[in-house]
Amino acid sequence: MNYMAAFDISATGMSVEKTRLDVTAVNLANVNSTRSADGGVFKPMRVISGEKRGADFVTTMDVLSNYGRLHGAEVVSVEKLEVAPRMVFEPSHPDADQKGFVAYPGVNQVSEMVNLITALRSYEANVVAMNAAKSMALKALEIGGNS
């Protein structure tokens, strides 16, 4: 069994979840921002992840018959969401429009907290899988050394 493949797969999963955590942190940090770098309202982002592809296409039968061809996960893209801004009546705010409303980003704090918890749990699951592979590799070395 190729233990390095198991380590690589867990590492790619941890990398994807780290990116998801970073994007969630950016969304939460900008929940009360009234301006983005380009002058508009900050648009929340989300991570799109997918299977990390090797040099060739992997079918289900290939996966079942040859586990060494699994490649893990990767971030496909980080896209900005097209959500309506949250309009708050604050006539004294410097960014208020003519009617006294300020446009805040349409960040859903509840969804972002769920994303945060999910990313954390997924990261932890990848760490557990990596530790299990490490333990199996060490046991294999112990068995091989006793003969």
Protein backbone atom coordinates (compact mmCIF):
# COMPACT_ATOMS: atom_id res chain seq x y z
CA MET A 1 0.00 0.00 0.00
CA ASN A 2 1.24 3.45 -0.88
CA TYR A 3 1.04 5.42 2.36
CA MET A 4 2.40 8.55 0.71
CA ALA A 5 -0.75 8.71 -1.44
CA ALA A 6 -2.88 8.69 1.72
CA PHE A 7 -0.74 11.49 3.18
CA ASP A 8 -1.05 13.51 -0.05
CA ILE A 9 -4.83 13.08 -0.19
CA SER A 10 -5.23 14.22 3.43
CA ALA A 11 -2.87 17.15 2.79
CA THR A 12 -4.90 18.33 -0.21
CA GLY A 13 -8.08 18.12 1.86
CA MET A 14 -6.46 20.15 4.63
CA SER A 15 -5.32 22.74 2.09
CA VAL A 16 -8.85 23.12 0.68
CA GLU A 17 -10.33 23.51 4.16
CA LYS A 18 -7.66 26.08 5.09
CA THR A 19 -8.65 28.12 2.03
CA ARG A 20 -12.34 27.77 2.98
CA LEU A 21 -11.49 29.01 6.49
CA ASP A 22 -9.54 31.99 5.08
CA VAL A 23 -12.41 33.01 2.77
CA THR A 24 -14.93 32.71 5.61
CA ALA A 25 -12.71 34.90 7.78
CA VAL A 26 -12.54 37.55 5.03
CA ASN A 27 -16.34 37.49 4.68
CA LEU A 28 -16.87 37.88 8.42
CA ALA A 29 -14.22 40.59 8.69
CA ASN A 30 -16.02 42.66 6.05
CA VAL A 31 -19.56 42.23 7.34
CA ASN A 32 -19.71 45.92 8.36
CA SER A 33 -17.52 47.36 5.59
CA THR A 34 -19.21 50.03 3.54
CA ARG A 35 -16.57 50.18 0.79
CA SER A 36 -14.37 47.65 -0.96
CA ALA A 37 -11.03 48.36 -2.60
CA ASP A 38 -12.75 49.13 -5.92
CA GLY A 39 -15.14 51.59 -4.24
CA GLY A 40 -18.27 49.43 -4.36
CA VAL A 41 -19.86 47.26 -1.71
CA PHE A 42 -17.86 44.20 -0.62
CA LYS A 43 -19.21 41.00 -2.20
CA PRO A 44 -19.03 37.84 -0.10
CA MET A 45 -16.99 35.00 -1.57
CA ARG A 46 -17.18 31.22 -1.53
CA VAL A 47 -14.73 28.45 -2.34
CA ILE A 48 -15.50 26.00 -5.11
CA SER A 49 -13.56 22.77 -4.64
CA GLY A 50 -13.35 19.61 -6.66
CA GLU A 51 -11.43 16.44 -7.18
CA LYS A 52 -7.78 16.98 -7.95
CA ARG A 53 -7.20 15.45 -11.35
CA GLY A 54 -4.13 13.57 -12.41
CA ALA A 55 -2.81 13.33 -15.94
CA ASP A 56 -5.73 11.14 -17.06
CA PHE A 57 -9.45 10.82 -16.44
CA VAL A 58 -10.34 8.50 -13.56
CA THR A 59 -13.54 6.45 -13.80
CA THR A 60 -15.38 4.81 -10.91
CA MET A 61 -14.07 1.40 -11.97
CA ASP A 62 -10.51 2.76 -11.96
CA VAL A 63 -11.03 3.99 -8.41
CA LEU A 64 -12.44 0.65 -7.28
CA SER A 65 -9.71 -1.38 -8.96
CA ASN A 66 -6.70 0.90 -8.45
CA TYR A 67 -6.80 3.10 -5.35
CA GLY A 68 -3.32 4.43 -6.14
CA ARG A 69 -4.84 6.72 -8.77
CA LEU A 70 -6.79 8.82 -6.27
CA HIS A 71 -5.57 12.40 -6.16
CA GLY A 72 -7.39 14.22 -3.35
CA ALA A 73 -9.06 17.63 -3.57
CA GLU A 74 -8.19 21.08 -4.84
CA VAL A 75 -9.62 24.58 -4.89
CA VAL A 76 -11.18 25.10 -8.32
CA SER A 77 -12.00 28.77 -7.78
CA VAL A 78 -12.99 31.43 -5.29
CA GLU A 79 -16.00 33.25 -6.65
CA LYS A 80 -17.78 36.40 -5.57
CA LEU A 81 -21.45 35.94 -4.78
CA GLU A 82 -24.02 38.22 -6.36
CA VAL A 83 -26.13 39.04 -3.31
CA ALA A 84 -28.09 42.18 -2.61
CA PRO A 85 -26.50 44.54 -0.11
CA ARG A 86 -28.06 44.98 3.30
CA MET A 87 -29.55 48.49 3.43
CA VAL A 88 -29.47 50.19 6.84
CA PHE A 89 -30.96 53.60 7.61
CA GLU A 90 -28.09 55.74 8.95
CA PRO A 91 -28.51 59.28 7.59
CA SER A 92 -25.45 60.60 9.45
CA HIS A 93 -23.08 57.99 7.96
CA PRO A 94 -20.63 59.43 5.38
CA ASP A 95 -21.54 56.65 2.88
CA ALA A 96 -25.31 57.18 3.15
CA ASP A 97 -27.24 57.76 -0.08
CA GLN A 98 -29.73 60.60 -0.67
CA LYS A 99 -32.44 58.71 1.26
CA GLY A 100 -30.13 58.11 4.27
CA PHE A 101 -29.46 54.40 3.64
CA VAL A 102 -26.02 52.79 3.85
CA ALA A 103 -25.27 49.68 1.78
CA TYR A 104 -23.54 46.98 3.83
CA PRO A 105 -22.37 43.67 2.33
CA GLY A 106 -24.97 40.93 2.09
CA VAL A 107 -22.92 38.58 4.25
CA ASN A 108 -25.07 36.01 6.02
CA GLN A 109 -23.32 35.63 9.37
CA VAL A 110 -25.15 32.41 10.25
CA SER A 111 -24.07 30.73 6.99
CA GLU A 112 -20.52 31.93 7.49
CA MET A 113 -20.41 30.46 11.00
CA VAL A 114 -21.74 27.14 9.64
CA ASN A 115 -19.03 27.26 6.95
CA LEU A 116 -16.46 27.95 9.65
CA ILE A 117 -17.54 24.96 11.76
CA THR A 118 -17.76 22.69 8.71
CA ALA A 119 -14.28 23.67 7.52
CA LEU A 120 -12.87 23.08 11.01
CA ARG A 121 -14.48 19.64 11.30
CA SER A 122 -13.37 18.64 7.79
CA TYR A 123 -9.83 19.76 8.54
CA GLU A 124 -9.86 17.70 11.75
CA ALA A 125 -11.17 14.66 9.83
CA ASN A 126 -8.28 14.94 7.38
CA VAL A 127 -5.82 15.12 10.29
CA VAL A 128 -7.37 11.95 11.78
CA ALA A 129 -7.10 10.17 8.40
CA MET A 130 -3.46 11.22 8.09
CA ASN A 131 -2.69 9.99 11.62
CA ALA A 132 -4.42 6.67 10.86
CA ALA A 133 -2.29 6.21 7.74
CA LYS A 134 0.81 7.07 9.76
CA SER A 135 -0.14 4.56 12.43
CA MET A 136 -0.72 1.85 9.81
CA ALA A 137 2.64 2.59 8.19
CA LEU A 138 4.42 2.37 11.56
CA LYS A 139 2.69 -0.94 12.36
CA ALA A 140 3.75 -2.30 8.96
CA LEU A 141 7.34 -1.32 9.74
CA GLU A 142 7.12 -3.03 13.13
CA ILE A 143 5.77 -6.22 11.57
CA GLY A 144 8.48 -6.15 8.88
CA GLY A 145 11.19 -5.60 11.50
CA ASN A 146 10.15 -8.58 13.66
CA SER A 147 10.72 -11.22 10.98
